[in-house]
Amino acid sequence: MAKAPTGIVIRFANNINQWSAGTPTDAGTGQAVVIPTGADLVLQMFFSQGALAEDTKLDYANIATVYVALQTTGSPHAATVYWSKSIANDEINNACTATSWLAGTDEQIELAIPSALNAFQAPQGAQNYWLVIYGVTDEATPRQIVFCATQVQVKDSGLPIGVPTLPQAFKVGGKLSFVCADAQTRDVTFTLLGNGRWVLDVAQAGYNGAGQAVYALHCADGLFRDLSVLAVDGLWTLDIGQNGHS
């Protein structure tokens, strides 16, 4: 029986001394790297400091973790991160040589991106996004070393996209908060607009914290009304129960 595929393989090498130069070339296709939304991906990567050769391959001795993130274009600090995945030092194959990687017989870094993580709606059918890959050192004061921050094309594959997983809700210091996908807790507030409509605002700055689960909203008439989030046509809708309780 043939082995079932583990995902779409995207294979590229990168000279970190030229981390922003051009778009990485997929060694399997000979074309620029393309990332389809909603699909299982397998990233196979080799990093060097200089032209790809055995004596230039990156030494991971003091790298604790490598991170890979796909985000929108624009300012990296204001961008939307669609997914992020990490790999620890002990999962990196430091024995992989430049020759074996070029031959396709060995991998230095292999990272699986599951379809659930890669399932997002691309703003356009095809658009250039940023692929950002960096390492964090194991020093007392960790440093970030950028391996690759370059544009790749993201295509809407047409695969169905499920309803996203809801973050857990907490009440921290009297505020409603969500534990977000990046493991940061963010305060959530209701803001009254000039037209009399309330909007739900999620703070950009995050922090870590714990608290009690919140299930109800204290309304202006003094009653508590149950909160629920309903999935409607692939979108989440915040629903406030009509029947109040004290």
C-alpha atoms as a PDB file:
ATOM      1  CA  MET A   1       0.000   0.000   0.000  1.00  0.00           C
ATOM      2  CA  ALA A   2       1.321   3.424  -0.939  1.00  0.00           C
ATOM      3  CA  LYS A   3       2.146   5.762   1.909  1.00  0.00           C
ATOM      4  CA  ALA A   4      -0.484   8.459   2.451  1.00  0.00           C
ATOM      5  CA  PRO A   5       0.841  11.994   1.865  1.00  0.00           C
ATOM      6  CA  THR A   6       1.432  14.035   5.002  1.00  0.00           C
ATOM      7  CA  GLY A   7       0.768  17.341   3.273  1.00  0.00           C
ATOM      8  CA  ILE A   8       1.981  19.642   0.524  1.00  0.00           C
ATOM      9  CA  VAL A   9       5.779  19.722   0.750  1.00  0.00           C
ATOM     10  CA  ILE A  10       7.425  23.147   0.518  1.00  0.00           C
ATOM     11  CA  ARG A  11      11.208  22.829   0.417  1.00  0.00           C
ATOM     12  CA  PHE A  12      13.672  25.703   0.390  1.00  0.00           C
ATOM     13  CA  ALA A  13      17.095  26.815   1.591  1.00  0.00           C
ATOM     14  CA  ASN A  14      17.962  30.319   2.727  1.00  0.00           C
ATOM     15  CA  ASN A  15      21.152  32.304   3.250  1.00  0.00           C
ATOM     16  CA  ILE A  16      20.441  34.253   6.460  1.00  0.00           C
ATOM     17  CA  ASN A  17      23.045  36.835   5.452  1.00  0.00           C
ATOM     18  CA  GLN A  18      20.589  37.800   2.697  1.00  0.00           C
ATOM     19  CA  TRP A  19      17.395  37.169   4.650  1.00  0.00           C
ATOM     20  CA  SER A  20      15.299  39.747   2.810  1.00  0.00           C
ATOM     21  CA  ALA A  21      16.561  39.124  -0.717  1.00  0.00           C
ATOM     22  CA  GLY A  22      13.849  38.010  -3.121  1.00  0.00           C
ATOM     23  CA  THR A  23      11.313  35.218  -2.765  1.00  0.00           C
ATOM     24  CA  PRO A  24      12.534  31.745  -1.728  1.00  0.00           C
ATOM     25  CA  THR A  25      12.517  29.103  -4.464  1.00  0.00           C
ATOM     26  CA  ASP A  26      10.798  25.796  -3.791  1.00  0.00           C
ATOM     27  CA  ALA A  27      13.466  23.149  -4.465  1.00  0.00           C
ATOM     28  CA  GLY A  28      10.753  20.640  -5.360  1.00  0.00           C
ATOM     29  CA  THR A  29       9.105  22.730  -8.079  1.00  0.00           C
ATOM     30  CA  GLY A  30      11.853  25.166  -9.078  1.00  0.00           C
ATOM     31  CA  GLN A  31       9.275  27.937  -8.733  1.00  0.00           C
ATOM     32  CA  ALA A  32       8.676  30.625  -6.110  1.00  0.00           C
ATOM     33  CA  VAL A  33       7.226  29.314  -2.847  1.00  0.00           C
ATOM     34  CA  VAL A  34       3.404  29.227  -2.875  1.00  0.00           C
ATOM     35  CA  ILE A  35       1.344  28.498   0.239  1.00  0.00           C
ATOM     36  CA  PRO A  36      -2.245  27.258  -0.320  1.00  0.00           C
ATOM     37  CA  THR A  37      -4.737  28.046   2.437  1.00  0.00           C
ATOM     38  CA  GLY A  38      -6.549  25.261   4.259  1.00  0.00           C
ATOM     39  CA  ALA A  39      -4.066  22.524   3.307  1.00  0.00           C
ATOM     40  CA  ASP A  40      -1.695  20.414   5.401  1.00  0.00           C
ATOM     41  CA  LEU A  41       1.827  21.719   4.806  1.00  0.00           C
ATOM     42  CA  VAL A  42       5.276  20.251   5.404  1.00  0.00           C
ATOM     43  CA  LEU A  43       8.106  22.812   5.452  1.00  0.00           C
ATOM     44  CA  GLN A  44      11.552  21.333   4.756  1.00  0.00           C
ATOM     45  CA  MET A  45      14.255  23.955   5.287  1.00  0.00           C
ATOM     46  CA  PHE A  46      18.006  24.369   5.352  1.00  0.00           C
ATOM     47  CA  PHE A  47      19.691  27.565   6.588  1.00  0.00           C
ATOM     48  CA  SER A  48      23.228  28.749   5.981  1.00  0.00           C
ATOM     49  CA  GLN A  49      25.380  31.829   6.537  1.00  0.00           C
ATOM     50  CA  GLY A  50      26.620  32.286   3.005  1.00  0.00           C
ATOM     51  CA  ALA A  51      26.119  30.256  -0.156  1.00  0.00           C
ATOM     52  CA  LEU A  52      24.745  26.802   0.588  1.00  0.00           C
ATOM     53  CA  ALA A  53      27.691  24.566   1.525  1.00  0.00           C
ATOM     54  CA  GLU A  54      28.752  22.305   4.366  1.00  0.00           C
ATOM     55  CA  ASP A  55      31.079  24.876   5.947  1.00  0.00           C
ATOM     56  CA  THR A  56      28.370  27.588   5.916  1.00  0.00           C
ATOM     57  CA  LYS A  57      25.449  25.642   7.392  1.00  0.00           C
ATOM     58  CA  LEU A  58      23.895  27.297  10.426  1.00  0.00           C
ATOM     59  CA  ASP A  59      25.094  26.114  13.845  1.00  0.00           C
ATOM     60  CA  TYR A  60      22.115  25.637  16.186  1.00  0.00           C
ATOM     61  CA  ALA A  61      24.225  24.963  19.307  1.00  0.00           C
ATOM     62  CA  ASN A  62      22.934  28.083  21.065  1.00  0.00           C
ATOM     63  CA  ILE A  63      19.505  28.298  19.419  1.00  0.00           C
ATOM     64  CA  ALA A  64      16.789  27.162  21.838  1.00  0.00           C
ATOM     65  CA  THR A  65      13.788  27.459  19.518  1.00  0.00           C
ATOM     66  CA  VAL A  66      13.034  28.287  15.901  1.00  0.00           C
ATOM     67  CA  TYR A  67       9.753  30.043  15.035  1.00  0.00           C
ATOM     68  CA  VAL A  68       7.948  30.201  11.692  1.00  0.00           C
ATOM     69  CA  ALA A  69       5.095  32.659  11.129  1.00  0.00           C
ATOM     70  CA  LEU A  70       2.931  33.632   8.169  1.00  0.00           C
ATOM     71  CA  GLN A  71       1.621  37.187   8.337  1.00  0.00           C
ATOM     72  CA  THR A  72       0.184  39.932   6.184  1.00  0.00           C
ATOM     73  CA  THR A  73       2.318  42.516   4.455  1.00  0.00           C
ATOM     74  CA  GLY A  74       2.934  45.945   5.924  1.00  0.00           C
ATOM     75  CA  SER A  75       4.541  46.809   9.231  1.00  0.00           C
ATOM     76  CA  PRO A  76       5.567  43.554  10.971  1.00  0.00           C
ATOM     77  CA  HIS A  77       4.355  44.994  14.284  1.00  0.00           C
ATOM     78  CA  ALA A  78       0.914  45.858  12.913  1.00  0.00           C
ATOM     79  CA  ALA A  79       0.480  42.803  10.712  1.00  0.00           C
ATOM     80  CA  THR A  80      -2.082  40.040  11.124  1.00  0.00           C
ATOM     81  CA  VAL A  81      -0.387  36.722  11.970  1.00  0.00           C
ATOM     82  CA  TYR A  82      -2.304  33.914  10.269  1.00  0.00           C
ATOM     83  CA  TRP A  83      -0.318  31.112  11.848  1.00  0.00           C
ATOM     84  CA  SER A  84       2.815  30.529  13.881  1.00  0.00           C
ATOM     85  CA  LYS A  85       4.637  27.288  14.713  1.00  0.00           C
ATOM     86  CA  SER A  86       7.840  26.533  16.617  1.00  0.00           C
ATOM     87  CA  ILE A  87      10.429  23.757  16.689  1.00  0.00           C
ATOM     88  CA  ALA A  88      12.741  23.063  19.624  1.00  0.00           C
ATOM     89  CA  ASN A  89      16.490  22.598  19.301  1.00  0.00           C
ATOM     90  CA  ASP A  90      16.360  18.852  19.940  1.00  0.00           C
ATOM     91  CA  GLU A  91      14.025  18.434  16.929  1.00  0.00           C
ATOM     92  CA  ILE A  92      16.551  20.061  14.555  1.00  0.00           C
ATOM     93  CA  ASN A  93      18.702  17.621  12.594  1.00  0.00           C
ATOM     94  CA  ASN A  94      22.163  19.127  13.055  1.00  0.00           C
ATOM     95  CA  ALA A  95      23.716  16.096  11.351  1.00  0.00           C
ATOM     96  CA  CYS A  96      22.086  17.009   8.038  1.00  0.00           C
ATOM     97  CA  THR A  97      24.710  18.079   5.500  1.00  0.00           C
ATOM     98  CA  ALA A  98      24.333  20.537   2.643  1.00  0.00           C
ATOM     99  CA  THR A  99      24.996  17.674   0.202  1.00  0.00           C
ATOM    100  CA  SER A 100      22.331  15.384   1.666  1.00  0.00           C
ATOM    101  CA  TRP A 101      19.800  18.217   1.790  1.00  0.00           C
ATOM    102  CA  LEU A 102      20.426  19.171  -1.836  1.00  0.00           C
ATOM    103  CA  ALA A 103      20.066  15.501  -2.779  1.00  0.00           C
ATOM    104  CA  GLY A 104      16.734  15.365  -0.976  1.00  0.00           C
ATOM    105  CA  THR A 105      17.845  12.500   1.274  1.00  0.00           C
ATOM    106  CA  ASP A 106      17.908  14.400   4.580  1.00  0.00           C
ATOM    107  CA  GLU A 107      16.282  17.404   6.241  1.00  0.00           C
ATOM    108  CA  GLN A 108      17.769  19.987   8.580  1.00  0.00           C
ATOM    109  CA  ILE A 109      14.406  21.372   9.749  1.00  0.00           C
ATOM    110  CA  GLU A 110      11.077  19.716   8.984  1.00  0.00           C
ATOM    111  CA  LEU A 111       7.968  21.401  10.324  1.00  0.00           C
ATOM    112  CA  ALA A 112       4.362  20.286   9.822  1.00  0.00           C
ATOM    113  CA  ILE A 113       1.668  22.963   9.561  1.00  0.00           C
ATOM    114  CA  PRO A 114      -1.715  21.229  10.048  1.00  0.00           C
ATOM    115  CA  SER A 115      -4.662  22.248   7.904  1.00  0.00           C
ATOM    116  CA  ALA A 116      -6.560  23.486  10.974  1.00  0.00           C
ATOM    117  CA  LEU A 117      -3.786  26.020  11.646  1.00  0.00           C
ATOM    118  CA  ASN A 118      -3.493  26.972   7.974  1.00  0.00           C
ATOM    119  CA  ALA A 119      -7.264  27.374   7.514  1.00  0.00           C
ATOM    120  CA  PHE A 120      -7.969  31.064   7.026  1.00  0.00           C
ATOM    121  CA  GLN A 121      -9.733  33.152   4.429  1.00  0.00           C
ATOM    122  CA  ALA A 122      -7.232  34.949   2.209  1.00  0.00           C
ATOM    123  CA  PRO A 123      -8.299  38.551   1.526  1.00  0.00           C
ATOM    124  CA  GLN A 124      -7.738  37.981  -2.207  1.00  0.00           C
ATOM    125  CA  GLY A 125      -7.445  34.931  -4.427  1.00  0.00           C
ATOM    126  CA  ALA A 126      -3.642  35.315  -4.468  1.00  0.00           C
ATOM    127  CA  GLN A 127      -1.542  37.797  -2.537  1.00  0.00           C
ATOM    128  CA  ASN A 128       2.016  38.195  -1.281  1.00  0.00           C
ATOM    129  CA  TYR A 129       2.410  37.749   2.484  1.00  0.00           C
ATOM    130  CA  TRP A 130       5.449  37.652   4.771  1.00  0.00           C
ATOM    131  CA  LEU A 131       7.044  34.388   5.842  1.00  0.00           C
ATOM    132  CA  VAL A 132       9.069  35.225   8.953  1.00  0.00           C
ATOM    133  CA  ILE A 133      11.469  32.645  10.426  1.00  0.00           C
ATOM    134  CA  TYR A 134      13.679  33.404  13.398  1.00  0.00           C
ATOM    135  CA  GLY A 135      15.601  31.687  16.187  1.00  0.00           C
ATOM    136  CA  VAL A 136      15.709  32.548  19.884  1.00  0.00           C
ATOM    137  CA  THR A 137      19.015  31.959  21.674  1.00  0.00           C
ATOM    138  CA  ASP A 138      19.427  30.094  24.961  1.00  0.00           C
ATOM    139  CA  GLU A 139      21.382  32.950  26.565  1.00  0.00           C
ATOM    140  CA  ALA A 140      20.468  34.451  29.952  1.00  0.00           C
ATOM    141  CA  THR A 141      19.073  37.370  27.970  1.00  0.00           C
ATOM    142  CA  PRO A 142      17.636  35.660  24.865  1.00  0.00           C
ATOM    143  CA  ARG A 143      18.211  37.273  21.485  1.00  0.00           C
ATOM    144  CA  GLN A 144      16.207  36.889  18.276  1.00  0.00           C
ATOM    145  CA  ILE A 145      18.103  36.004  15.095  1.00  0.00           C
ATOM    146  CA  VAL A 146      16.182  36.408  11.851  1.00  0.00           C
ATOM    147  CA  PHE A 147      16.724  33.544   9.398  1.00  0.00           C
ATOM    148  CA  CYS A 148      14.215  34.642   6.787  1.00  0.00           C
ATOM    149  CA  ALA A 149      11.724  37.499   6.432  1.00  0.00           C
ATOM    150  CA  THR A 150      10.577  37.398   2.859  1.00  0.00           C
ATOM    151  CA  GLN A 151       7.495  37.495   0.703  1.00  0.00           C
ATOM    152  CA  VAL A 152       5.698  34.351  -0.394  1.00  0.00           C
ATOM    153  CA  GLN A 153       2.522  34.021  -2.408  1.00  0.00           C
ATOM    154  CA  VAL A 154      -0.556  32.809  -0.529  1.00  0.00           C
ATOM    155  CA  LYS A 155      -3.371  31.381  -2.642  1.00  0.00           C
ATOM    156  CA  ASP A 156      -6.963  30.725  -1.655  1.00  0.00           C
ATOM    157  CA  SER A 157      -7.105  26.993  -2.375  1.00  0.00           C
ATOM    158  CA  GLY A 158     -10.908  26.759  -2.240  1.00  0.00           C
ATOM    159  CA  LEU A 159     -10.716  24.206   0.566  1.00  0.00           C
ATOM    160  CA  PRO A 160     -13.559  24.555   3.098  1.00  0.00           C
ATOM    161  CA  ILE A 161     -12.718  26.612   6.140  1.00  0.00           C
ATOM    162  CA  GLY A 162     -14.262  25.545   9.436  1.00  0.00           C
ATOM    163  CA  VAL A 163     -15.491  27.773  12.229  1.00  0.00           C
ATOM    164  CA  PRO A 164     -12.454  28.928  14.251  1.00  0.00           C
ATOM    165  CA  THR A 165     -11.954  27.623  17.776  1.00  0.00           C
ATOM    166  CA  LEU A 166     -13.197  30.028  20.421  1.00  0.00           C
ATOM    167  CA  PRO A 167     -10.701  31.361  22.954  1.00  0.00           C
ATOM    168  CA  GLN A 168     -11.464  30.737  26.603  1.00  0.00           C
ATOM    169  CA  ALA A 169     -13.047  33.697  28.424  1.00  0.00           C
ATOM    170  CA  PHE A 170     -11.923  34.969  31.826  1.00  0.00           C
ATOM    171  CA  LYS A 171     -12.774  37.772  34.177  1.00  0.00           C
ATOM    172  CA  VAL A 172      -9.471  39.354  35.225  1.00  0.00           C
ATOM    173  CA  GLY A 173      -9.549  42.321  37.579  1.00  0.00           C
ATOM    174  CA  GLY A 174     -13.220  42.915  36.834  1.00  0.00           C
ATOM    175  CA  LYS A 175     -12.654  42.863  33.055  1.00  0.00           C
ATOM    176  CA  LEU A 176     -13.772  40.313  30.522  1.00  0.00           C
ATOM    177  CA  SER A 177     -10.721  38.807  28.799  1.00  0.00           C
ATOM    178  CA  PHE A 178      -9.965  36.193  26.151  1.00  0.00           C
ATOM    179  CA  VAL A 179      -7.023  33.822  25.978  1.00  0.00           C
ATOM    180  CA  CYS A 180      -5.965  34.310  22.345  1.00  0.00           C
ATOM    181  CA  ALA A 181      -4.244  32.011  19.867  1.00  0.00           C
ATOM    182  CA  ASP A 182      -0.800  33.372  20.786  1.00  0.00           C
ATOM    183  CA  ALA A 183      -1.386  32.358  24.457  1.00  0.00           C
ATOM    184  CA  GLN A 184      -1.739  36.000  25.505  1.00  0.00           C
ATOM    185  CA  THR A 185      -4.726  37.193  27.556  1.00  0.00           C
ATOM    186  CA  ARG A 186      -6.359  40.306  26.095  1.00  0.00           C
ATOM    187  CA  ASP A 187      -8.956  42.547  27.715  1.00  0.00           C
ATOM    188  CA  VAL A 188     -12.307  42.817  25.970  1.00  0.00           C
ATOM    189  CA  THR A 189     -14.457  45.931  26.379  1.00  0.00           C
ATOM    190  CA  PHE A 190     -17.818  47.121  25.050  1.00  0.00           C
ATOM    191  CA  THR A 191     -17.585  50.635  23.624  1.00  0.00           C
ATOM    192  CA  LEU A 192     -20.666  52.807  22.972  1.00  0.00           C
ATOM    193  CA  LEU A 193     -20.482  54.568  19.612  1.00  0.00           C
ATOM    194  CA  GLY A 194     -22.132  57.899  18.798  1.00  0.00           C
ATOM    195  CA  ASN A 195     -24.894  56.139  16.880  1.00  0.00           C
ATOM    196  CA  GLY A 196     -25.984  54.250  19.991  1.00  0.00           C
ATOM    197  CA  ARG A 197     -24.400  50.958  18.904  1.00  0.00           C
ATOM    198  CA  TRP A 198     -22.084  48.902  21.095  1.00  0.00           C
ATOM    199  CA  VAL A 199     -18.903  47.442  19.616  1.00  0.00           C
ATOM    200  CA  LEU A 200     -16.775  44.658  21.064  1.00  0.00           C
ATOM    201  CA  ASP A 201     -13.136  45.768  21.270  1.00  0.00           C
ATOM    202  CA  VAL A 202     -10.190  43.399  21.903  1.00  0.00           C
ATOM    203  CA  ALA A 203      -7.041  45.068  23.255  1.00  0.00           C
ATOM    204  CA  GLN A 204      -3.914  44.758  21.121  1.00  0.00           C
ATOM    205  CA  ALA A 205      -1.590  44.496  24.132  1.00  0.00           C
ATOM    206  CA  GLY A 206      -1.644  41.060  25.733  1.00  0.00           C
ATOM    207  CA  TYR A 207      -0.566  39.616  29.068  1.00  0.00           C
ATOM    208  CA  ASN A 208      -0.709  36.277  30.820  1.00  0.00           C
ATOM    209  CA  GLY A 209      -3.181  35.720  33.597  1.00  0.00           C
ATOM    210  CA  ALA A 210      -5.847  33.444  34.993  1.00  0.00           C
ATOM    211  CA  GLY A 211      -9.305  34.040  36.353  1.00  0.00           C
ATOM    212  CA  GLN A 212     -12.851  32.803  36.601  1.00  0.00           C
ATOM    213  CA  ALA A 213     -14.911  31.878  33.579  1.00  0.00           C
ATOM    214  CA  VAL A 214     -17.533  34.468  32.599  1.00  0.00           C
ATOM    215  CA  TYR A 215     -20.906  33.402  31.270  1.00  0.00           C
ATOM    216  CA  ALA A 216     -23.156  36.430  31.811  1.00  0.00           C
ATOM    217  CA  LEU A 217     -23.305  40.188  31.179  1.00  0.00           C
ATOM    218  CA  HIS A 218     -24.566  42.661  33.796  1.00  0.00           C
ATOM    219  CA  CYS A 219     -27.110  44.811  31.956  1.00  0.00           C
ATOM    220  CA  ALA A 220     -28.386  48.366  32.540  1.00  0.00           C
ATOM    221  CA  ASP A 221     -31.659  47.132  34.065  1.00  0.00           C
ATOM    222  CA  GLY A 222     -29.742  45.425  36.875  1.00  0.00           C
ATOM    223  CA  LEU A 223     -30.203  41.894  35.567  1.00  0.00           C
ATOM    224  CA  PHE A 224     -27.589  39.413  34.368  1.00  0.00           C
ATOM    225  CA  ARG A 225     -28.129  37.930  30.916  1.00  0.00           C
ATOM    226  CA  ASP A 226     -26.392  34.819  29.684  1.00  0.00           C
ATOM    227  CA  LEU A 227     -23.775  35.191  26.957  1.00  0.00           C
ATOM    228  CA  SER A 228     -23.290  32.604  24.266  1.00  0.00           C
ATOM    229  CA  VAL A 229     -21.425  32.518  20.992  1.00  0.00           C
ATOM    230  CA  LEU A 230     -23.225  30.901  18.085  1.00  0.00           C
ATOM    231  CA  ALA A 231     -21.751  29.620  14.833  1.00  0.00           C
ATOM    232  CA  VAL A 232     -23.851  30.973  11.945  1.00  0.00           C
ATOM    233  CA  ASP A 233     -22.767  30.319   8.338  1.00  0.00           C
ATOM    234  CA  GLY A 234     -19.140  29.887   9.384  1.00  0.00           C
ATOM    235  CA  LEU A 235     -19.039  33.055  11.517  1.00  0.00           C
ATOM    236  CA  TRP A 236     -19.255  33.497  15.271  1.00  0.00           C
ATOM    237  CA  THR A 237     -22.112  35.648  16.621  1.00  0.00           C
ATOM    238  CA  LEU A 238     -22.275  36.945  20.184  1.00  0.00           C
ATOM    239  CA  ASP A 239     -25.771  36.269  21.552  1.00  0.00           C
ATOM    240  CA  ILE A 240     -27.228  37.861  24.694  1.00  0.00           C
ATOM    241  CA  GLY A 241     -30.148  35.959  26.228  1.00  0.00           C
ATOM    242  CA  GLN A 242     -33.443  37.886  26.495  1.00  0.00           C
ATOM    243  CA  ASN A 243     -34.393  36.382  29.850  1.00  0.00           C
ATOM    244  CA  GLY A 244     -32.467  38.010  32.679  1.00  0.00           C
ATOM    245  CA  HIS A 245     -31.676  36.657  36.117  1.00  0.00           C
ATOM    246  CA  SER A 246     -30.276  38.138  39.302  1.00  0.00           C
END
